[in-house]
Amino acid sequence: MKILWFANAPANAVEYLPEYLKAGILSGGWLISLDKAIQTKLELHIAFYYAKRNDSFKYLNTTYHPIGSKNWKFIALKEIFWKKFIDQQDLPKYLEIINSVKPDIIHIHGTENPFGCIIGKTDVPVVTSIQGDITVIQHKYFSGIEHKYLNTARPLSIGFKEILWGNNFRHNYRSFIEMKKREERNLLNSKYIIGRTDWDRRITSIQAPNSNYFRCDEILRPSFYQYKWTPKQQKEQIIIHTISGNVYFKGFETLCQAICELNKLGIKVDWRVAGIKETDLIVKIVKKKLKNKYPVYGLRFLGNQTGQQLVEFLLEADIYVMPSHIENSPNSLCEAMLLGMPCIATFAGGAGSILKDGEEGIMIQDGDPWALAGAILELYRDPVRAQKYGQNARQRALIRHDKETITYGLIEIYQNILGLNSKE
């Protein structure tokens, strides 16, 4: 079986491309893991955007097809400043790759990218994986932080580079509006969908009403399979870990408010947030919103970390918290569960399919710092219960993210799609 992926990231080609390794651009860790796992079971080709080259190359057992453009800087500026998203501008390149590879199935990873314009333009069956859902993210964008605080993101105060690379929430929101339109078109024409949660199954039944839905979980980063969390002796300070990002809808303001509520009770916390720096725009906005209620102590920013570094920080912590307003199947929560950590998460998007409330952790309403602070106290004051939650979470995560099950499950999905397509 010959499979062609279209993806935002180069998957395991990051090991081959020195520019990616040098820049530390290792997003899509689950895609790297899946590439490595499946490439020996079938003939895999991966197409992705990479401005610096156009030539195909083979690395290990996968063939990669970079999609380059001499005008990529102009196109990027046009999308950033004028929000001109031209879906079919690279369609001839996509079709050229398809005609060269002659795949049995095309698999598009993500709904918001321009690759969806392939649907209806080729006789090869196309399946689309749901990662997040831009339509719902755009709808939930201002949860927790009102629209007026976008005024904090003035171009002159954040600098040209930050505007250029999207570190301005006003620009990001406008981009989401355009990507939503693209996503709506892509999903409306989709025949085959791969998802992981009840949430993405339900929303695609509306957004892609004529599609067949298949479920396939994700292989996580290797380091998270190799370690197991162990409880620490009770101490005066609670160490909490969160993996977030410099975006509006990850609930950073909720965790800041929860710290203040705990501090009022004399509870000392060391809340470590990976993926955010103190100089990031989201920090400036939350400081402006909370004013004197922004935590003076108890909050530590870790910035970007490698997978191994994250494992080490997580193993030191007492609790993992995911405070997001919207997610699908958050890999950060899945990774904490795989380590066997006590977890608290919000009922956001597909998180309810990932963590079972009262058995594997505690689920709370998003945007509720009082419930979050209370859940932290529950786990801290009942370490036996917290440890049991972590054990149950790990047991489930080991089954859900089993590499062999996922690999052969995806191959079975491909075979089912070929069978369905042959009947049409």
Protein backbone atom coordinates (compact mmCIF):
# COMPACT_ATOMS: atom_id res chain seq x y z
CA MET A 1 0.00 0.00 0.00
CA LYS A 2 1.30 3.43 -0.97
CA ILE A 3 0.26 6.39 1.21
CA LEU A 4 0.85 10.11 0.65
CA TRP A 5 0.59 12.47 3.62
CA PHE A 6 0.17 16.23 3.36
CA ALA A 7 1.23 17.80 6.66
CA ASN A 8 2.13 21.17 8.20
CA ALA A 9 5.34 19.72 9.68
CA PRO A 10 8.02 17.57 8.01
CA ALA A 11 7.53 14.66 10.43
CA ASN A 12 10.76 12.67 10.83
CA ALA A 13 12.51 14.66 8.10
CA VAL A 14 13.53 17.00 10.94
CA GLU A 15 16.39 14.58 11.53
CA TYR A 16 17.53 15.06 7.95
CA LEU A 17 17.12 18.82 7.58
CA PRO A 18 19.86 20.65 9.48
CA GLU A 19 17.99 23.97 9.38
CA TYR A 20 15.11 22.44 11.34
CA LEU A 21 17.41 20.89 13.93
CA LYS A 22 19.43 24.09 14.27
CA ALA A 23 16.29 26.17 14.78
CA GLY A 24 14.81 23.69 17.21
CA ILE A 25 11.60 23.49 15.17
CA LEU A 26 10.34 20.13 16.37
CA SER A 27 6.59 20.70 16.38
CA GLY A 28 4.33 17.75 15.67
CA GLY A 29 6.20 15.25 17.85
CA TRP A 30 3.33 12.78 17.48
CA LEU A 31 3.71 12.99 13.68
CA ILE A 32 7.42 12.17 13.98
CA SER A 33 6.56 9.14 16.11
CA LEU A 34 3.87 7.96 13.68
CA ASP A 35 6.20 8.40 10.69
CA LYS A 36 8.84 6.21 12.37
CA ALA A 37 6.30 3.57 13.40
CA ILE A 38 4.46 3.15 10.10
CA GLN A 39 7.16 3.65 7.46
CA THR A 40 8.29 0.00 7.63
CA LYS A 41 4.73 -1.31 7.21
CA LEU A 42 3.86 0.44 3.94
CA GLU A 43 5.32 2.82 1.36
CA LEU A 44 5.05 6.27 2.92
CA HIS A 45 5.47 9.64 1.21
CA ILE A 46 5.12 12.98 3.01
CA ALA A 47 4.59 16.40 1.39
CA PHE A 48 5.14 19.52 3.47
CA TYR A 49 6.00 23.20 3.05
CA TYR A 50 9.69 23.99 3.16
CA ALA A 51 10.80 27.21 1.50
CA LYS A 52 14.45 26.26 1.02
CA ARG A 53 14.07 23.32 -1.35
CA ASN A 54 11.80 21.70 -3.91
CA ASP A 55 13.55 18.38 -4.51
CA SER A 56 12.24 15.11 -3.11
CA PHE A 57 14.52 13.00 -0.93
CA LYS A 58 14.41 9.71 0.95
CA TYR A 59 15.38 9.37 4.59
CA LEU A 60 15.22 5.96 6.25
CA ASN A 61 12.10 4.35 4.71
CA THR A 62 10.05 7.49 3.99
CA THR A 63 10.19 9.68 0.88
CA TYR A 64 9.71 13.40 1.55
CA HIS A 65 8.43 16.00 -0.91
CA PRO A 66 9.17 19.60 0.16
CA ILE A 67 6.91 22.24 -1.35
CA GLY A 68 9.00 25.34 -1.86
CA SER A 69 8.27 28.73 -3.37
CA LYS A 70 10.52 31.53 -4.56
CA ASN A 71 7.84 34.00 -3.49
CA TRP A 72 7.23 32.50 -0.05
CA LYS A 73 8.21 35.70 1.79
CA PHE A 74 5.74 37.78 -0.21
CA ILE A 75 3.01 35.16 0.27
CA ALA A 76 3.67 35.04 4.02
CA LEU A 77 3.49 38.84 4.30
CA LYS A 78 0.26 38.89 2.29
CA GLU A 79 -1.32 36.33 4.62
CA ILE A 80 -0.07 38.05 7.78
CA PHE A 81 -0.94 41.66 6.96
CA TRP A 82 -3.76 41.42 4.41
CA LYS A 83 -5.17 38.03 5.41
CA LYS A 84 -5.27 36.91 1.79
CA PHE A 85 -5.48 33.13 1.92
CA ILE A 86 -5.47 31.73 -1.60
CA ASP A 87 -6.27 28.06 -1.16
CA GLN A 88 -5.50 26.88 -4.67
CA GLN A 89 -2.35 28.85 -5.43
CA ASP A 90 -0.23 25.70 -4.94
CA LEU A 91 -2.76 23.17 -6.22
CA PRO A 92 -0.66 22.45 -9.34
CA LYS A 93 2.27 21.52 -7.05
CA TYR A 94 0.06 19.22 -4.98
CA LEU A 95 -1.27 17.51 -8.10
CA GLU A 96 2.24 17.17 -9.50
CA ILE A 97 3.32 15.33 -6.35
CA ILE A 98 0.19 13.15 -6.47
CA ASN A 99 0.78 12.25 -10.12
CA SER A 100 4.42 11.44 -9.38
CA VAL A 101 3.77 9.30 -6.30
CA LYS A 102 0.53 7.66 -7.53
CA PRO A 103 -0.67 6.86 -4.00
CA ASP A 104 -3.50 4.54 -3.06
CA ILE A 105 -4.67 7.01 -0.41
CA ILE A 106 -3.97 10.67 0.40
CA HIS A 107 -3.98 11.55 4.11
CA ILE A 108 -4.21 15.25 5.06
CA HIS A 109 -3.17 16.04 8.62
CA GLY A 110 -5.21 19.03 9.82
CA THR A 111 -8.27 20.87 8.57
CA GLU A 112 -7.03 24.45 8.52
CA ASN A 113 -4.25 24.11 5.94
CA PRO A 114 -4.61 24.71 2.18
CA PHE A 115 -4.10 21.03 1.31
CA GLY A 116 -7.85 20.44 1.52
CA CYS A 117 -8.30 21.96 -1.94
CA ILE A 118 -7.10 18.57 -3.24
CA ILE A 119 -10.48 17.08 -2.36
CA GLY A 120 -12.52 16.75 -5.55
CA LYS A 121 -9.49 17.43 -7.75
CA THR A 122 -8.15 13.85 -7.76
CA ASP A 123 -9.63 10.37 -8.07
CA VAL A 124 -7.45 9.16 -5.20
CA PRO A 125 -9.47 8.83 -1.96
CA VAL A 126 -8.60 11.57 0.56
CA VAL A 127 -8.89 11.21 4.34
CA THR A 128 -8.48 14.16 6.71
CA SER A 129 -7.28 13.95 10.31
CA ILE A 130 -8.83 16.31 12.83
CA GLN A 131 -6.19 17.96 15.00
CA GLY A 132 -7.91 21.00 16.44
CA ASP A 133 -10.95 22.66 14.94
CA ILE A 134 -10.43 26.28 13.91
CA THR A 135 -14.18 26.95 13.77
CA VAL A 136 -14.60 26.16 17.45
CA ILE A 137 -11.29 27.74 18.49
CA GLN A 138 -12.33 30.99 16.80
CA HIS A 139 -15.68 30.76 18.59
CA LYS A 140 -13.95 30.25 21.97
CA TYR A 141 -11.06 32.63 21.29
CA PHE A 142 -12.04 35.26 23.86
CA SER A 143 -13.05 32.89 26.64
CA GLY A 144 -11.52 34.20 29.84
CA ILE A 145 -9.96 37.33 28.31
CA GLU A 146 -12.23 39.92 26.77
CA HIS A 147 -11.76 41.35 23.29
CA LYS A 148 -10.84 44.79 24.67
CA TYR A 149 -7.50 43.51 25.95
CA LEU A 150 -6.34 43.08 22.37
CA ASN A 151 -5.46 46.77 22.62
CA THR A 152 -2.45 45.63 24.65
CA ALA A 153 -1.09 44.19 21.42
CA ARG A 154 -0.16 47.47 19.77
CA PRO A 155 2.25 46.95 16.85
CA LEU A 156 4.63 49.70 18.00
CA SER A 157 4.93 48.20 21.47
CA ILE A 158 5.66 44.63 20.41
CA GLY A 159 7.99 45.18 17.49
CA PHE A 160 8.11 44.25 13.81
CA LYS A 161 9.33 40.68 14.28
CA GLU A 162 6.48 39.88 16.65
CA ILE A 163 3.94 41.21 14.16
CA LEU A 164 5.62 39.37 11.28
CA TRP A 165 5.56 36.00 13.00
CA GLY A 166 2.07 36.36 14.39
CA ASN A 167 2.86 37.28 18.01
CA ASN A 168 -0.01 39.73 17.93
CA PHE A 169 -3.42 38.43 18.94
CA ARG A 170 -5.31 40.89 16.77
CA HIS A 171 -3.54 39.51 13.69
CA ASN A 172 -3.97 35.94 14.95
CA TYR A 173 -7.69 36.36 15.41
CA ARG A 174 -8.11 37.74 11.90
CA SER A 175 -6.10 34.79 10.60
CA PHE A 176 -8.39 32.39 12.44
CA ILE A 177 -11.42 33.93 10.75
CA GLU A 178 -9.90 33.25 7.32
CA MET A 179 -8.69 29.76 8.28
CA LYS A 180 -12.20 29.00 9.53
CA LYS A 181 -13.58 29.70 6.05
CA ARG A 182 -10.97 27.40 4.55
CA GLU A 183 -11.73 24.68 7.10
CA GLU A 184 -15.47 24.90 6.44
CA ARG A 185 -14.89 24.34 2.72
CA ASN A 186 -12.46 21.47 3.35
CA LEU A 187 -14.73 19.62 5.76
CA LEU A 188 -17.93 20.14 3.76
CA ASN A 189 -16.36 18.19 0.88
CA SER A 190 -14.70 15.51 3.02
CA LYS A 191 -15.70 11.86 2.61
CA TYR A 192 -13.39 10.35 5.21
CA ILE A 193 -12.43 11.72 8.63
CA ILE A 194 -10.02 10.43 11.29
CA GLY A 195 -10.51 11.67 14.85
CA ARG A 196 -9.83 10.69 18.45
CA THR A 197 -12.56 12.04 20.72
CA ASP A 198 -16.33 12.21 21.10
CA TRP A 199 -16.00 15.96 20.58
CA ASP A 200 -14.35 15.81 17.14
CA ARG A 201 -16.74 13.00 16.11
CA ARG A 202 -19.74 15.16 17.02
CA ILE A 203 -18.57 18.38 15.41
CA THR A 204 -17.53 16.67 12.17
CA SER A 205 -20.96 15.02 11.96
CA ILE A 206 -22.19 18.61 11.47
CA GLN A 207 -19.26 20.11 9.57
CA ALA A 208 -18.68 17.09 7.32
CA PRO A 209 -22.20 15.61 7.12
CA ASN A 210 -21.40 13.22 4.25
CA SER A 211 -18.25 11.76 5.76
CA ASN A 212 -17.32 8.40 7.28
CA TYR A 213 -15.66 8.77 10.69
CA PHE A 214 -12.77 6.59 11.89
CA ARG A 215 -11.04 6.69 15.26
CA CYS A 216 -7.26 6.48 15.65
CA ASP A 217 -5.24 7.68 18.64
CA GLU A 218 -1.76 9.21 18.55
CA ILE A 219 1.70 7.87 19.32
CA LEU A 220 3.34 10.18 21.84
CA ARG A 221 6.97 11.25 22.13
CA PRO A 222 9.30 8.34 23.05
CA SER A 223 10.63 9.80 26.31
CA PHE A 224 7.17 9.74 27.91
CA TYR A 225 6.94 5.95 27.55
CA GLN A 226 10.24 5.45 29.37
CA TYR A 227 9.51 7.02 32.77
CA LYS A 228 6.97 6.69 35.57
CA TRP A 229 5.94 9.35 38.07
CA THR A 230 6.26 8.53 41.77
CA PRO A 231 4.63 10.49 44.62
CA LYS A 232 6.75 12.78 46.76
CA GLN A 233 6.68 13.21 50.50
CA GLN A 234 4.29 15.88 51.73
CA LYS A 235 5.94 19.27 51.83
CA GLU A 236 4.93 22.87 52.44
CA GLN A 237 5.01 23.82 48.75
CA ILE A 238 2.90 22.20 46.00
CA ILE A 239 4.70 21.85 42.66
CA ILE A 240 2.26 22.15 39.76
CA HIS A 241 3.10 21.84 36.08
CA THR A 242 1.26 23.20 33.03
CA ILE A 243 2.24 23.14 29.36
CA SER A 244 0.72 26.12 27.57
CA GLY A 245 1.52 28.58 24.80
CA ASN A 246 1.56 32.25 23.91
CA VAL A 247 -2.09 32.17 22.82
CA TYR A 248 -5.35 33.58 24.11
CA PHE A 249 -7.42 30.45 24.81
CA LYS A 250 -5.16 28.17 26.89
CA GLY A 251 -6.50 29.44 30.23
CA PHE A 252 -3.37 31.18 31.48
CA GLU A 253 -5.52 33.76 33.27
CA THR A 254 -7.38 30.96 35.10
CA LEU A 255 -4.22 29.44 36.56
CA CYS A 256 -3.00 32.90 37.64
CA GLN A 257 -6.26 33.48 39.49
CA ALA A 258 -6.09 30.01 41.04
CA ILE A 259 -2.62 30.80 42.41
CA CYS A 260 -4.00 33.91 44.09
CA GLU A 261 -6.86 31.93 45.64
CA LEU A 262 -4.42 29.39 47.05
CA ASN A 263 -2.13 32.13 48.31
CA LYS A 264 -5.05 33.67 50.21
CA LEU A 265 -5.30 30.43 52.20
CA GLY A 266 -1.58 30.43 52.89
CA ILE A 267 -0.96 27.57 50.44
CA LYS A 268 2.43 27.92 48.78
CA VAL A 269 2.72 26.76 45.18
CA ASP A 270 5.47 26.56 42.62
CA TRP A 271 3.43 26.61 39.42
CA ARG A 272 5.72 25.94 36.47
CA VAL A 273 4.46 26.89 33.04
CA ALA A 274 6.29 25.50 30.01
CA GLY A 275 5.81 27.04 26.57
CA ILE A 276 5.54 30.62 27.86
CA LYS A 277 8.20 33.23 28.65
CA GLU A 278 7.64 36.12 31.03
CA THR A 279 8.11 38.53 28.12
CA ASP A 280 5.36 36.91 26.03
CA LEU A 281 2.32 38.91 25.02
CA ILE A 282 -0.16 36.68 26.86
CA VAL A 283 1.62 37.50 30.13
CA LYS A 284 1.36 41.24 29.46
CA ILE A 285 -2.34 40.92 28.65
CA VAL A 286 -3.17 38.85 31.73
CA LYS A 287 -1.23 41.26 33.95
CA LYS A 288 -3.28 44.10 32.50
CA LYS A 289 -6.55 42.22 33.05
CA LEU A 290 -5.87 41.00 36.60
CA LYS A 291 -3.94 44.06 37.83
CA ASN A 292 -3.25 43.62 41.56
CA LYS A 293 -4.74 40.10 41.42
CA TYR A 294 -1.89 38.88 39.23
CA PRO A 295 0.24 36.54 41.38
CA VAL A 296 3.33 38.17 42.86
CA TYR A 297 4.94 34.82 43.67
CA GLY A 298 4.34 31.15 42.97
CA LEU A 299 4.55 31.40 39.17
CA ARG A 300 7.57 30.29 37.17
CA PHE A 301 8.00 30.47 33.39
CA LEU A 302 10.03 27.71 31.74
CA GLY A 303 9.78 28.79 28.12
CA ASN A 304 10.15 26.15 25.40
CA GLN A 305 11.51 22.81 26.54
CA THR A 306 12.56 19.60 24.81
CA GLY A 307 10.60 16.42 25.43
CA GLN A 308 13.26 15.11 27.78
CA GLN A 309 13.38 18.37 29.73
CA LEU A 310 9.60 18.30 30.11
CA VAL A 311 9.72 14.76 31.44
CA GLU A 312 12.23 15.81 34.10
CA PHE A 313 10.09 18.76 35.19
CA LEU A 314 6.93 16.65 35.26
CA LEU A 315 8.56 13.95 37.38
CA GLU A 316 9.45 16.63 39.95
CA ALA A 317 5.88 17.95 40.12
CA ASP A 318 2.97 16.88 42.33
CA ILE A 319 0.11 17.65 39.94
CA TYR A 320 -0.41 18.33 36.23
CA VAL A 321 -3.02 20.96 35.31
CA MET A 322 -4.57 21.66 31.91
CA PRO A 323 -6.67 24.87 32.21
CA SER A 324 -7.55 25.37 28.52
CA HIS A 325 -10.80 26.81 27.21
CA ILE A 326 -10.69 24.64 24.08
CA GLU A 327 -8.74 21.51 23.08
CA ASN A 328 -9.29 18.32 21.13
CA SER A 329 -7.08 15.57 22.54
CA PRO A 330 -4.35 17.61 24.27
CA ASN A 331 -1.06 15.76 23.94
CA SER A 332 0.30 17.49 27.05
CA LEU A 333 -2.46 15.91 29.16
CA CYS A 334 -1.97 12.55 27.45
CA GLU A 335 1.76 12.69 28.21
CA ALA A 336 1.18 13.53 31.88
CA MET A 337 -1.27 10.61 32.11
CA LEU A 338 1.25 8.31 30.45
CA LEU A 339 3.76 9.21 33.18
CA GLY A 340 1.13 8.36 35.79
CA MET A 341 0.71 11.85 37.22
CA PRO A 342 -2.33 13.10 39.17
CA CYS A 343 -4.09 15.35 36.64
CA ILE A 344 -6.65 18.13 36.66
CA ALA A 345 -8.19 19.23 33.36
CA THR A 346 -11.04 21.37 32.11
CA PHE A 347 -14.07 20.01 30.28
CA ALA A 348 -12.77 21.60 27.08
CA GLY A 349 -13.45 20.07 23.67
CA GLY A 350 -12.35 16.44 23.65
CA ALA A 351 -10.65 16.41 27.06
CA GLY A 352 -13.61 14.54 28.55
CA SER A 353 -12.77 11.60 26.26
CA ILE A 354 -9.16 11.65 27.46
CA LEU A 355 -9.47 11.86 31.27
CA LYS A 356 -12.28 10.17 33.22
CA ASP A 357 -13.47 12.38 36.07
CA GLY A 358 -13.30 10.81 39.51
CA GLU A 359 -11.32 7.78 38.32
CA GLU A 360 -8.25 9.05 36.46
CA GLY A 361 -8.19 12.65 37.66
CA ILE A 362 -10.42 15.63 38.27
CA MET A 363 -12.33 17.51 35.58
CA ILE A 364 -13.54 21.07 36.17
CA GLN A 365 -15.37 23.76 34.22
CA ASP A 366 -13.04 25.94 32.16
CA GLY A 367 -12.52 29.50 33.37
CA ASP A 368 -13.27 28.60 37.03
CA PRO A 369 -10.21 29.41 39.19
CA TRP A 370 -12.02 28.58 42.43
CA ALA A 371 -12.86 25.05 41.31
CA LEU A 372 -9.30 24.68 40.03
CA ALA A 373 -7.80 25.79 43.33
CA GLY A 374 -10.19 23.48 45.18
CA ALA A 375 -9.26 20.50 42.99
CA ILE A 376 -5.57 21.14 43.69
CA LEU A 377 -6.29 21.12 47.43
CA GLU A 378 -8.25 17.86 47.10
CA LEU A 379 -5.33 16.04 45.50
CA TYR A 380 -2.75 17.59 47.81
CA ARG A 381 -4.66 16.70 50.98
CA ASP A 382 -5.41 13.15 49.82
CA PRO A 383 -2.15 11.77 48.39
CA VAL A 384 -3.46 8.20 48.35
CA ARG A 385 -6.33 9.24 46.12
CA ALA A 386 -4.03 11.34 43.95
CA GLN A 387 -1.67 8.41 43.45
CA LYS A 388 -4.57 6.11 42.58
CA TYR A 389 -5.79 8.58 39.97
CA GLY A 390 -2.31 8.68 38.47
CA GLN A 391 -2.06 4.89 38.35
CA ASN A 392 -5.45 4.61 36.63
CA ALA A 393 -4.51 7.36 34.18
CA ARG A 394 -1.25 5.63 33.28
CA GLN A 395 -2.96 2.29 32.78
CA ARG A 396 -5.44 3.82 30.35
CA ALA A 397 -2.81 5.91 28.56
CA LEU A 398 -0.56 2.89 27.98
CA ILE A 399 -3.44 1.16 26.19
CA ARG A 400 -4.63 4.25 24.32
CA HIS A 401 -1.18 5.21 23.05
CA ASP A 402 0.18 1.73 22.34
CA LYS A 403 2.41 2.09 19.30
CA GLU A 404 1.58 -1.23 17.63
CA THR A 405 -2.18 -0.84 18.14
CA ILE A 406 -2.14 2.65 16.61
CA THR A 407 0.09 1.66 13.70
CA TYR A 408 -1.97 -1.34 12.65
CA GLY A 409 -5.19 0.51 13.44
CA LEU A 410 -4.28 3.23 10.96
CA ILE A 411 -3.39 0.67 8.31
CA GLU A 412 -6.78 -0.97 8.87
CA ILE A 413 -8.46 2.43 8.41
CA TYR A 414 -6.65 2.87 5.10
CA GLN A 415 -7.82 -0.59 4.00
CA ASN A 416 -11.40 0.19 5.01
CA ILE A 417 -11.32 3.43 3.02
CA LEU A 418 -10.08 1.59 -0.06
CA GLY A 419 -12.93 -0.89 0.37
CA LEU A 420 -15.55 1.84 0.74
CA ASN A 421 -14.12 3.77 -2.20
CA SER A 422 -14.22 0.73 -4.47
CA LYS A 423 -17.97 0.36 -3.85
CA GLU A 424 -18.76 3.89 -5.05
